[in-house]
């Protein structure tokens, strides 16, 4: 199966070489690599082109496309542009500061073809902490074992709201392009845009589609201070409400509510970790009290 990898690139001059190297030494090369430079202000684009030139012998059978944007709009827009240009039957997204492990694309392609999987979530290893995600113990009863380390997720709209289930972090999803339909990433969103996108994809996918989990580290994700998920805030008001909570705050759908419940807990934890003082933390809680309380009810209800 042909596989397209889309890389959104913005100010990652110190890391893009490693990302490209991880693709160059895949046991099965991607058929297409699309890199969308989101108007980087450092030497990311130069480093990218140097890396591609250096590894050119490894990419003789790979189509490579670079899209250079003049305005920074965000990773969601970059991924959307990549989707439009993708020609592979499979598509995945690799963050420019992350790396695939050498066997990842081969294993993923083989599994999705042989087991007829439409969407495959893969494990990630956070570096340098060496912390592995997901921790399946808390939702193991929601999975069906297909083979060693491979599980079927029969009710993914329910499982996606499990606190320890990770979908979207580190771009750890591979999908048959036809299953994306017309769903696209939200633009100008920096918090939880990944899980918002994948949840909408899953809500619109055919009922007979199969979603799997490969419970092994296929992506190495760098823990970089200052990245979008690790940014610090000087004021509570700068910490935006996650797009999924905005989208479904009036929904009566149980899965929408469960997802809001889980994301509200992550949002609260993110605020407590990233706001600079107890005063700012208290102001955050007071100003979002009604939303946090309502969604906490959904969070607790999911686990009953």
C-alpha atoms as a PDB file:
ATOM      1  CA  UNK A   1       0.000   0.000   0.000  1.00  0.00           C
ATOM      2  CA  UNK A   2       1.337   3.430  -0.930  1.00  0.00           C
ATOM      3  CA  UNK A   3       1.885   5.653   2.099  1.00  0.00           C
ATOM      4  CA  UNK A   4       2.053   9.459   2.195  1.00  0.00           C
ATOM      5  CA  UNK A   5       3.741  11.176   5.140  1.00  0.00           C
ATOM      6  CA  UNK A   6       2.893  14.852   5.708  1.00  0.00           C
ATOM      7  CA  UNK A   7       5.271  16.988   7.788  1.00  0.00           C
ATOM      8  CA  UNK A   8       4.182  20.443   8.996  1.00  0.00           C
ATOM      9  CA  UNK A   9       7.372  22.462   9.522  1.00  0.00           C
ATOM     10  CA  UNK A  10       7.782  25.626  11.539  1.00  0.00           C
ATOM     11  CA  UNK A  11      11.020  26.740  13.192  1.00  0.00           C
ATOM     12  CA  UNK A  12      12.466  23.289  13.754  1.00  0.00           C
ATOM     13  CA  UNK A  13      15.951  23.832  12.317  1.00  0.00           C
ATOM     14  CA  UNK A  14      17.533  21.720  15.065  1.00  0.00           C
ATOM     15  CA  UNK A  15      15.254  18.722  14.532  1.00  0.00           C
ATOM     16  CA  UNK A  16      14.134  18.387  10.911  1.00  0.00           C
ATOM     17  CA  UNK A  17      17.307  16.494   9.929  1.00  0.00           C
ATOM     18  CA  UNK A  18      16.457  13.706  12.389  1.00  0.00           C
ATOM     19  CA  UNK A  19      12.869  13.538  11.175  1.00  0.00           C
ATOM     20  CA  UNK A  20      14.010  13.153   7.563  1.00  0.00           C
ATOM     21  CA  UNK A  21      16.670  10.632   8.571  1.00  0.00           C
ATOM     22  CA  UNK A  22      14.025   8.514  10.298  1.00  0.00           C
ATOM     23  CA  UNK A  23      12.137   8.342   6.994  1.00  0.00           C
ATOM     24  CA  UNK A  24      15.279   7.705   4.960  1.00  0.00           C
ATOM     25  CA  UNK A  25      16.046   4.568   6.940  1.00  0.00           C
ATOM     26  CA  UNK A  26      12.567   3.090   7.102  1.00  0.00           C
ATOM     27  CA  UNK A  27      12.488  -0.621   6.291  1.00  0.00           C
ATOM     28  CA  UNK A  28       9.727   0.324   3.851  1.00  0.00           C
ATOM     29  CA  UNK A  29      10.038   3.829   2.444  1.00  0.00           C
ATOM     30  CA  UNK A  30       7.007   6.099   2.105  1.00  0.00           C
ATOM     31  CA  UNK A  31       5.806   6.508  -1.469  1.00  0.00           C
ATOM     32  CA  UNK A  32       5.399  10.244  -0.930  1.00  0.00           C
ATOM     33  CA  UNK A  33       6.656  12.843   1.550  1.00  0.00           C
ATOM     34  CA  UNK A  34       5.024  16.267   1.664  1.00  0.00           C
ATOM     35  CA  UNK A  35       6.676  18.938   3.801  1.00  0.00           C
ATOM     36  CA  UNK A  36       4.747  22.156   4.353  1.00  0.00           C
ATOM     37  CA  UNK A  37       6.960  24.967   5.630  1.00  0.00           C
ATOM     38  CA  UNK A  38       4.681  27.299   7.561  1.00  0.00           C
ATOM     39  CA  UNK A  39       6.715  30.477   6.908  1.00  0.00           C
ATOM     40  CA  UNK A  40       9.566  29.492   9.243  1.00  0.00           C
ATOM     41  CA  UNK A  41      11.678  32.391  10.484  1.00  0.00           C
ATOM     42  CA  UNK A  42      14.765  30.304  11.287  1.00  0.00           C
ATOM     43  CA  UNK A  43      16.833  28.068   8.977  1.00  0.00           C
ATOM     44  CA  UNK A  44      14.316  25.217   8.936  1.00  0.00           C
ATOM     45  CA  UNK A  45      13.810  25.352   5.185  1.00  0.00           C
ATOM     46  CA  UNK A  46      17.553  25.387   4.482  1.00  0.00           C
ATOM     47  CA  UNK A  47      18.113  22.480   6.879  1.00  0.00           C
ATOM     48  CA  UNK A  48      15.244  20.580   5.274  1.00  0.00           C
ATOM     49  CA  UNK A  49      16.638  20.950   1.760  1.00  0.00           C
ATOM     50  CA  UNK A  50      20.143  20.026   2.924  1.00  0.00           C
ATOM     51  CA  UNK A  51      18.752  16.926   4.639  1.00  0.00           C
ATOM     52  CA  UNK A  52      16.803  15.831   1.576  1.00  0.00           C
ATOM     53  CA  UNK A  53      19.884  16.312  -0.588  1.00  0.00           C
ATOM     54  CA  UNK A  54      22.036  14.314   1.819  1.00  0.00           C
ATOM     55  CA  UNK A  55      19.550  11.423   1.923  1.00  0.00           C
ATOM     56  CA  UNK A  56      18.648  11.594  -1.772  1.00  0.00           C
ATOM     57  CA  UNK A  57      20.004   8.064  -2.463  1.00  0.00           C
ATOM     58  CA  UNK A  58      17.533   6.646   0.082  1.00  0.00           C
ATOM     59  CA  UNK A  59      14.584   8.441  -1.537  1.00  0.00           C
ATOM     60  CA  UNK A  60      15.030   7.354  -5.167  1.00  0.00           C
ATOM     61  CA  UNK A  61      11.588   5.688  -5.119  1.00  0.00           C
ATOM     62  CA  UNK A  62       9.906   8.394  -3.031  1.00  0.00           C
ATOM     63  CA  UNK A  63       8.107  11.434  -4.398  1.00  0.00           C
ATOM     64  CA  UNK A  64       9.059  14.483  -2.350  1.00  0.00           C
ATOM     65  CA  UNK A  65       7.155  17.741  -2.399  1.00  0.00           C
ATOM     66  CA  UNK A  66       7.958  20.942  -0.491  1.00  0.00           C
ATOM     67  CA  UNK A  67       5.254  23.569  -0.051  1.00  0.00           C
ATOM     68  CA  UNK A  68       6.575  26.952   1.076  1.00  0.00           C
ATOM     69  CA  UNK A  69       3.987  29.214   2.685  1.00  0.00           C
ATOM     70  CA  UNK A  70       4.403  32.975   2.891  1.00  0.00           C
ATOM     71  CA  UNK A  71       2.255  33.376   5.999  1.00  0.00           C
ATOM     72  CA  UNK A  72       2.284  31.407   9.235  1.00  0.00           C
ATOM     73  CA  UNK A  73      -1.197  29.985   9.807  1.00  0.00           C
ATOM     74  CA  UNK A  74      -0.477  26.955  11.966  1.00  0.00           C
ATOM     75  CA  UNK A  75       0.018  23.189  11.792  1.00  0.00           C
ATOM     76  CA  UNK A  76      -3.651  22.473  11.093  1.00  0.00           C
ATOM     77  CA  UNK A  77      -3.551  24.441   7.867  1.00  0.00           C
ATOM     78  CA  UNK A  78      -0.228  22.827   6.916  1.00  0.00           C
ATOM     79  CA  UNK A  79      -1.664  19.345   7.420  1.00  0.00           C
ATOM     80  CA  UNK A  80      -4.760  20.250   5.392  1.00  0.00           C
ATOM     81  CA  UNK A  81      -2.581  21.314   2.462  1.00  0.00           C
ATOM     82  CA  UNK A  82      -0.725  18.036   2.741  1.00  0.00           C
ATOM     83  CA  UNK A  83      -3.972  16.057   2.676  1.00  0.00           C
ATOM     84  CA  UNK A  84      -5.000  17.757  -0.555  1.00  0.00           C
ATOM     85  CA  UNK A  85      -1.729  16.792  -2.260  1.00  0.00           C
ATOM     86  CA  UNK A  86      -1.495  13.255  -0.864  1.00  0.00           C
ATOM     87  CA  UNK A  87      -1.577  10.419  -3.398  1.00  0.00           C
ATOM     88  CA  UNK A  88      -0.998   7.458  -1.052  1.00  0.00           C
ATOM     89  CA  UNK A  89      -3.722   5.052   0.025  1.00  0.00           C
ATOM     90  CA  UNK A  90      -2.457   5.577   3.569  1.00  0.00           C
ATOM     91  CA  UNK A  91      -1.700   8.949   5.088  1.00  0.00           C
ATOM     92  CA  UNK A  92      -0.009   9.933   8.327  1.00  0.00           C
ATOM     93  CA  UNK A  93       1.415  13.099   9.820  1.00  0.00           C
ATOM     94  CA  UNK A  94       4.876  13.387  11.345  1.00  0.00           C
ATOM     95  CA  UNK A  95       5.741  16.403  13.474  1.00  0.00           C
ATOM     96  CA  UNK A  96       9.020  17.964  12.376  1.00  0.00           C
ATOM     97  CA  UNK A  97      10.690  17.342  15.747  1.00  0.00           C
ATOM     98  CA  UNK A  98       9.642  13.670  15.973  1.00  0.00           C
ATOM     99  CA  UNK A  99      10.933  10.452  14.402  1.00  0.00           C
ATOM    100  CA  UNK A 100       9.485   7.157  13.196  1.00  0.00           C
ATOM    101  CA  UNK A 101      11.174   4.018  14.477  1.00  0.00           C
ATOM    102  CA  UNK A 102      12.756   2.042  11.587  1.00  0.00           C
ATOM    103  CA  UNK A 103      10.083  -0.645  11.214  1.00  0.00           C
ATOM    104  CA  UNK A 104       7.057   1.628  11.686  1.00  0.00           C
ATOM    105  CA  UNK A 105       5.845   2.176   8.130  1.00  0.00           C
ATOM    106  CA  UNK A 106       6.433  -1.444   7.138  1.00  0.00           C
ATOM    107  CA  UNK A 107       4.531  -2.816  10.134  1.00  0.00           C
ATOM    108  CA  UNK A 108       1.709  -0.311   9.841  1.00  0.00           C
ATOM    109  CA  UNK A 109       1.209  -0.961   6.133  1.00  0.00           C
ATOM    110  CA  UNK A 110       1.274  -4.722   6.591  1.00  0.00           C
ATOM    111  CA  UNK A 111      -1.208  -4.639   9.475  1.00  0.00           C
ATOM    112  CA  UNK A 112      -3.661  -2.323   7.756  1.00  0.00           C
ATOM    113  CA  UNK A 113      -3.600  -4.388   4.577  1.00  0.00           C
ATOM    114  CA  UNK A 114      -3.701  -7.863   6.093  1.00  0.00           C
ATOM    115  CA  UNK A 115      -6.138  -7.116   8.938  1.00  0.00           C
ATOM    116  CA  UNK A 116      -8.274  -4.717   6.889  1.00  0.00           C
ATOM    117  CA  UNK A 117      -7.750  -1.895   9.389  1.00  0.00           C
ATOM    118  CA  UNK A 118      -8.979   1.540   8.287  1.00  0.00           C
ATOM    119  CA  UNK A 119      -7.534   3.639  11.122  1.00  0.00           C
ATOM    120  CA  UNK A 120      -4.533   2.583  13.191  1.00  0.00           C
ATOM    121  CA  UNK A 121      -3.424   4.326  16.378  1.00  0.00           C
ATOM    122  CA  UNK A 122       0.214   3.629  17.300  1.00  0.00           C
ATOM    123  CA  UNK A 123       2.206   3.959  20.498  1.00  0.00           C
ATOM    124  CA  UNK A 124       4.652   6.776  21.171  1.00  0.00           C
ATOM    125  CA  UNK A 125       7.770   7.086  23.279  1.00  0.00           C
ATOM    126  CA  UNK A 126       8.390  10.462  24.897  1.00  0.00           C
ATOM    127  CA  UNK A 127      12.030  11.542  24.996  1.00  0.00           C
ATOM    128  CA  UNK A 128      14.057  12.209  27.072  1.00  0.00           C
ATOM    129  CA  UNK A 129      11.687  10.990  29.825  1.00  0.00           C
ATOM    130  CA  UNK A 130      11.415   7.561  28.143  1.00  0.00           C
ATOM    131  CA  UNK A 131       7.706   7.525  29.008  1.00  0.00           C
ATOM    132  CA  UNK A 132       5.497   5.313  26.840  1.00  0.00           C
ATOM    133  CA  UNK A 133       1.914   6.081  25.804  1.00  0.00           C
ATOM    134  CA  UNK A 134      -0.782   4.845  25.824  1.00  0.00           C
ATOM    135  CA  UNK A 135      -1.141   3.017  29.119  1.00  0.00           C
ATOM    136  CA  UNK A 136      -3.808   0.519  28.116  1.00  0.00           C
ATOM    137  CA  UNK A 137      -4.452  -0.923  31.591  1.00  0.00           C
ATOM    138  CA  UNK A 138      -7.287   1.498  32.337  1.00  0.00           C
ATOM    139  CA  UNK A 139      -9.191   0.720  29.117  1.00  0.00           C
ATOM    140  CA  UNK A 140      -7.987  -2.812  28.319  1.00  0.00           C
ATOM    141  CA  UNK A 141     -11.519  -4.194  28.730  1.00  0.00           C
ATOM    142  CA  UNK A 142     -12.617  -1.983  25.816  1.00  0.00           C
ATOM    143  CA  UNK A 143     -10.162  -3.662  23.412  1.00  0.00           C
ATOM    144  CA  UNK A 144     -10.176  -6.940  21.484  1.00  0.00           C
ATOM    145  CA  UNK A 145      -6.802  -8.649  21.064  1.00  0.00           C
ATOM    146  CA  UNK A 146      -6.141  -9.540  17.414  1.00  0.00           C
ATOM    147  CA  UNK A 147      -2.499 -10.575  17.697  1.00  0.00           C
ATOM    148  CA  UNK A 148       0.582  -9.714  19.714  1.00  0.00           C
ATOM    149  CA  UNK A 149       0.450  -5.969  20.479  1.00  0.00           C
ATOM    150  CA  UNK A 150      -2.416  -5.389  18.021  1.00  0.00           C
ATOM    151  CA  UNK A 151      -5.919  -4.631  19.267  1.00  0.00           C
ATOM    152  CA  UNK A 152      -9.264  -3.828  17.700  1.00  0.00           C
ATOM    153  CA  UNK A 153     -11.197  -0.919  19.229  1.00  0.00           C
ATOM    154  CA  UNK A 154     -14.859  -1.885  18.711  1.00  0.00           C
ATOM    155  CA  UNK A 155     -16.370   1.320  20.153  1.00  0.00           C
ATOM    156  CA  UNK A 156     -13.731   3.947  19.465  1.00  0.00           C
ATOM    157  CA  UNK A 157     -16.071   6.896  20.142  1.00  0.00           C
ATOM    158  CA  UNK A 158     -16.252   5.625  23.706  1.00  0.00           C
ATOM    159  CA  UNK A 159     -12.597   4.631  24.070  1.00  0.00           C
ATOM    160  CA  UNK A 160     -11.275   7.942  22.740  1.00  0.00           C
ATOM    161  CA  UNK A 161     -12.461   9.628  25.951  1.00  0.00           C
ATOM    162  CA  UNK A 162     -10.521   7.242  28.226  1.00  0.00           C
ATOM    163  CA  UNK A 163      -8.026   9.426  30.151  1.00  0.00           C
ATOM    164  CA  UNK A 164      -5.081   7.180  29.296  1.00  0.00           C
ATOM    165  CA  UNK A 165      -6.000   6.681  25.638  1.00  0.00           C
ATOM    166  CA  UNK A 166      -3.819   8.844  23.403  1.00  0.00           C
ATOM    167  CA  UNK A 167      -5.004   9.758  19.906  1.00  0.00           C
ATOM    168  CA  UNK A 168      -3.542  12.735  18.084  1.00  0.00           C
ATOM    169  CA  UNK A 169      -0.574  13.355  20.376  1.00  0.00           C
ATOM    170  CA  UNK A 170       2.606  13.028  18.362  1.00  0.00           C
ATOM    171  CA  UNK A 171       0.448  12.568  15.253  1.00  0.00           C
ATOM    172  CA  UNK A 172       0.165   8.891  16.172  1.00  0.00           C
ATOM    173  CA  UNK A 173      -2.565   7.909  13.702  1.00  0.00           C
ATOM    174  CA  UNK A 174      -2.395   6.320  10.252  1.00  0.00           C
ATOM    175  CA  UNK A 175      -5.550   6.288   8.132  1.00  0.00           C
ATOM    176  CA  UNK A 176      -6.756   5.210   4.724  1.00  0.00           C
ATOM    177  CA  UNK A 177      -7.081   8.510   2.914  1.00  0.00           C
ATOM    178  CA  UNK A 178     -10.560   7.655   1.622  1.00  0.00           C
ATOM    179  CA  UNK A 179     -11.793   7.566   5.234  1.00  0.00           C
ATOM    180  CA  UNK A 180     -10.976  11.237   5.791  1.00  0.00           C
ATOM    181  CA  UNK A 181     -13.875  12.276   3.539  1.00  0.00           C
ATOM    182  CA  UNK A 182     -14.021  16.085   3.710  1.00  0.00           C
ATOM    183  CA  UNK A 183     -12.937  16.398   7.348  1.00  0.00           C
ATOM    184  CA  UNK A 184     -10.031  18.791   7.868  1.00  0.00           C
ATOM    185  CA  UNK A 185      -8.065  20.280  10.767  1.00  0.00           C
ATOM    186  CA  UNK A 186      -9.220  23.513  12.333  1.00  0.00           C
ATOM    187  CA  UNK A 187      -6.915  26.407  11.489  1.00  0.00           C
ATOM    188  CA  UNK A 188      -5.352  28.757  14.058  1.00  0.00           C
ATOM    189  CA  UNK A 189      -5.875  26.266  16.896  1.00  0.00           C
ATOM    190  CA  UNK A 190      -2.989  25.265  19.162  1.00  0.00           C
ATOM    191  CA  UNK A 191      -4.597  23.167  21.916  1.00  0.00           C
ATOM    192  CA  UNK A 192      -6.092  19.703  21.307  1.00  0.00           C
ATOM    193  CA  UNK A 193      -6.461  20.280  17.560  1.00  0.00           C
ATOM    194  CA  UNK A 194      -5.313  16.726  16.935  1.00  0.00           C
ATOM    195  CA  UNK A 195      -7.903  14.901  18.989  1.00  0.00           C
ATOM    196  CA  UNK A 196     -10.588  17.292  17.719  1.00  0.00           C
ATOM    197  CA  UNK A 197      -9.734  16.360  14.135  1.00  0.00           C
ATOM    198  CA  UNK A 198      -9.596  12.622  14.713  1.00  0.00           C
ATOM    199  CA  UNK A 199     -12.810  12.594  16.717  1.00  0.00           C
ATOM    200  CA  UNK A 200     -14.666  14.288  13.868  1.00  0.00           C
ATOM    201  CA  UNK A 201     -13.128  11.814  11.418  1.00  0.00           C
ATOM    202  CA  UNK A 202     -14.320   8.885  13.551  1.00  0.00           C
ATOM    203  CA  UNK A 203     -17.802  10.342  13.950  1.00  0.00           C
ATOM    204  CA  UNK A 204     -18.158  10.535  10.186  1.00  0.00           C
ATOM    205  CA  UNK A 205     -16.511   7.256   9.245  1.00  0.00           C
ATOM    206  CA  UNK A 206     -18.552   4.302   7.980  1.00  0.00           C
ATOM    207  CA  UNK A 207     -19.953   2.059  10.716  1.00  0.00           C
ATOM    208  CA  UNK A 208     -18.194  -0.993   9.300  1.00  0.00           C
ATOM    209  CA  UNK A 209     -14.778   0.698   9.405  1.00  0.00           C
ATOM    210  CA  UNK A 210     -12.249  -0.966  11.693  1.00  0.00           C
ATOM    211  CA  UNK A 211     -10.070   0.984  14.114  1.00  0.00           C
ATOM    212  CA  UNK A 212      -7.010  -0.638  15.654  1.00  0.00           C
ATOM    213  CA  UNK A 213      -4.311   0.064  18.220  1.00  0.00           C
ATOM    214  CA  UNK A 214      -0.720  -1.086  17.737  1.00  0.00           C
ATOM    215  CA  UNK A 215       0.584  -1.057  21.290  1.00  0.00           C
ATOM    216  CA  UNK A 216       4.279  -0.479  20.619  1.00  0.00           C
ATOM    217  CA  UNK A 217       6.461   2.576  20.182  1.00  0.00           C
ATOM    218  CA  UNK A 218       6.349   3.582  16.527  1.00  0.00           C
ATOM    219  CA  UNK A 219       7.074   7.282  17.020  1.00  0.00           C
ATOM    220  CA  UNK A 220       9.662   8.986  19.203  1.00  0.00           C
ATOM    221  CA  UNK A 221       8.255  12.301  20.419  1.00  0.00           C
ATOM    222  CA  UNK A 222      10.583  14.970  21.753  1.00  0.00           C
ATOM    223  CA  UNK A 223       9.546  16.825  24.884  1.00  0.00           C
ATOM    224  CA  UNK A 224      10.563  20.337  23.884  1.00  0.00           C
ATOM    225  CA  UNK A 225       9.926  23.294  26.152  1.00  0.00           C
ATOM    226  CA  UNK A 226       8.197  26.039  24.197  1.00  0.00           C
ATOM    227  CA  UNK A 227       6.370  23.748  21.796  1.00  0.00           C
ATOM    228  CA  UNK A 228       2.633  24.352  21.357  1.00  0.00           C
ATOM    229  CA  UNK A 229       1.670  21.752  23.955  1.00  0.00           C
ATOM    230  CA  UNK A 230       4.314  22.974  26.409  1.00  0.00           C
ATOM    231  CA  UNK A 231       3.958  26.720  26.111  1.00  0.00           C
ATOM    232  CA  UNK A 232       3.717  28.767  29.320  1.00  0.00           C
ATOM    233  CA  UNK A 233       1.245  31.592  29.853  1.00  0.00           C
ATOM    234  CA  UNK A 234       1.578  34.867  31.721  1.00  0.00           C
ATOM    235  CA  UNK A 235      -2.176  35.366  32.086  1.00  0.00           C
ATOM    236  CA  UNK A 236      -5.035  32.908  32.567  1.00  0.00           C
ATOM    237  CA  UNK A 237      -7.063  34.544  29.761  1.00  0.00           C
ATOM    238  CA  UNK A 238      -4.412  33.579  27.206  1.00  0.00           C
ATOM    239  CA  UNK A 239      -5.150  29.883  27.740  1.00  0.00           C
ATOM    240  CA  UNK A 240      -7.838  29.249  25.155  1.00  0.00           C
ATOM    241  CA  UNK A 241     -10.808  26.960  25.618  1.00  0.00           C
ATOM    242  CA  UNK A 242     -10.141  23.708  23.696  1.00  0.00           C
ATOM    243  CA  UNK A 243     -11.899  23.749  20.328  1.00  0.00           C
ATOM    244  CA  UNK A 244     -13.737  20.488  21.078  1.00  0.00           C
ATOM    245  CA  UNK A 245     -15.335  21.970  24.195  1.00  0.00           C
ATOM    246  CA  UNK A 246     -16.463  24.998  22.199  1.00  0.00           C
ATOM    247  CA  UNK A 247     -17.818  22.742  19.470  1.00  0.00           C
ATOM    248  CA  UNK A 248     -19.866  20.393  21.651  1.00  0.00           C
ATOM    249  CA  UNK A 249     -20.719  22.462  24.740  1.00  0.00           C
ATOM    250  CA  UNK A 250     -24.449  22.303  23.926  1.00  0.00           C
ATOM    251  CA  UNK A 251     -24.445  18.742  22.638  1.00  0.00           C
ATOM    252  CA  UNK A 252     -26.613  16.055  24.201  1.00  0.00           C
ATOM    253  CA  UNK A 253     -24.608  13.258  22.565  1.00  0.00           C
ATOM    254  CA  UNK A 254     -23.043  11.010  25.221  1.00  0.00           C
ATOM    255  CA  UNK A 255     -19.774  10.589  23.315  1.00  0.00           C
ATOM    256  CA  UNK A 256     -19.422  14.344  22.783  1.00  0.00           C
ATOM    257  CA  UNK A 257     -20.009  14.853  26.492  1.00  0.00           C
ATOM    258  CA  UNK A 258     -17.531  12.153  27.491  1.00  0.00           C
ATOM    259  CA  UNK A 259     -14.851  13.671  25.291  1.00  0.00           C
ATOM    260  CA  UNK A 260     -15.483  17.126  26.739  1.00  0.00           C
ATOM    261  CA  UNK A 261     -15.215  15.656  30.213  1.00  0.00           C
ATOM    262  CA  UNK A 262     -11.824  14.105  29.550  1.00  0.00           C
ATOM    263  CA  UNK A 263     -10.477  17.146  27.697  1.00  0.00           C
ATOM    264  CA  UNK A 264     -11.615  19.481  30.468  1.00  0.00           C
ATOM    265  CA  UNK A 265      -9.509  17.494  32.916  1.00  0.00           C
ATOM    266  CA  UNK A 266      -6.487  17.744  30.618  1.00  0.00           C
ATOM    267  CA  UNK A 267      -7.174  21.456  30.100  1.00  0.00           C
ATOM    268  CA  UNK A 268      -7.303  22.040  33.852  1.00  0.00           C
ATOM    269  CA  UNK A 269      -4.086  20.078  34.400  1.00  0.00           C
ATOM    270  CA  UNK A 270      -2.432  22.027  31.581  1.00  0.00           C
ATOM    271  CA  UNK A 271      -3.475  25.315  33.188  1.00  0.00           C
ATOM    272  CA  UNK A 272      -2.206  24.302  36.638  1.00  0.00           C
ATOM    273  CA  UNK A 273       1.132  23.298  35.142  1.00  0.00           C
ATOM    274  CA  UNK A 274       1.606  26.213  32.765  1.00  0.00           C
ATOM    275  CA  UNK A 275       0.206  29.273  34.582  1.00  0.00           C
ATOM    276  CA  UNK A 276       2.870  31.214  36.521  1.00  0.00           C
ATOM    277  CA  UNK A 277       1.202  31.830  39.912  1.00  0.00           C
ATOM    278  CA  UNK A 278      -1.534  30.606  42.208  1.00  0.00           C
ATOM    279  CA  UNK A 279      -3.368  33.872  41.614  1.00  0.00           C
ATOM    280  CA  UNK A 280      -3.537  33.161  37.881  1.00  0.00           C
ATOM    281  CA  UNK A 281      -4.565  29.569  38.542  1.00  0.00           C
ATOM    282  CA  UNK A 282      -7.383  30.648  40.825  1.00  0.00           C
ATOM    283  CA  UNK A 283      -8.595  33.197  38.277  1.00  0.00           C
ATOM    284  CA  UNK A 284      -8.594  30.494  35.606  1.00  0.00           C
ATOM    285  CA  UNK A 285     -10.723  28.184  37.752  1.00  0.00           C
ATOM    286  CA  UNK A 286     -13.138  30.927  38.812  1.00  0.00           C
ATOM    287  CA  UNK A 287     -13.687  32.176  35.273  1.00  0.00           C
ATOM    288  CA  UNK A 288     -14.248  28.670  33.860  1.00  0.00           C
ATOM    289  CA  UNK A 289     -15.967  27.172  36.907  1.00  0.00           C
ATOM    290  CA  UNK A 290     -19.310  26.404  35.260  1.00  0.00           C
ATOM    291  CA  UNK A 291     -17.693  24.707  32.247  1.00  0.00           C
ATOM    292  CA  UNK A 292     -15.252  22.737  34.391  1.00  0.00           C
ATOM    293  CA  UNK A 293     -17.947  21.535  36.806  1.00  0.00           C
ATOM    294  CA  UNK A 294     -20.365  20.485  34.074  1.00  0.00           C
ATOM    295  CA  UNK A 295     -17.688  18.624  32.181  1.00  0.00           C
ATOM    296  CA  UNK A 296     -16.350  17.017  35.368  1.00  0.00           C
ATOM    297  CA  UNK A 297     -19.781  15.455  35.762  1.00  0.00           C
ATOM    298  CA  UNK A 298     -19.466  14.006  32.248  1.00  0.00           C
ATOM    299  CA  UNK A 299     -15.961  12.781  33.110  1.00  0.00           C
ATOM    300  CA  UNK A 300     -17.117  10.923  36.213  1.00  0.00           C
ATOM    301  CA  UNK A 301     -20.228   9.586  34.486  1.00  0.00           C
ATOM    302  CA  UNK A 302     -18.124   7.990  31.739  1.00  0.00           C
ATOM    303  CA  UNK A 303     -16.287   5.793  34.228  1.00  0.00           C
ATOM    304  CA  UNK A 304     -19.353   4.522  36.071  1.00  0.00           C
END
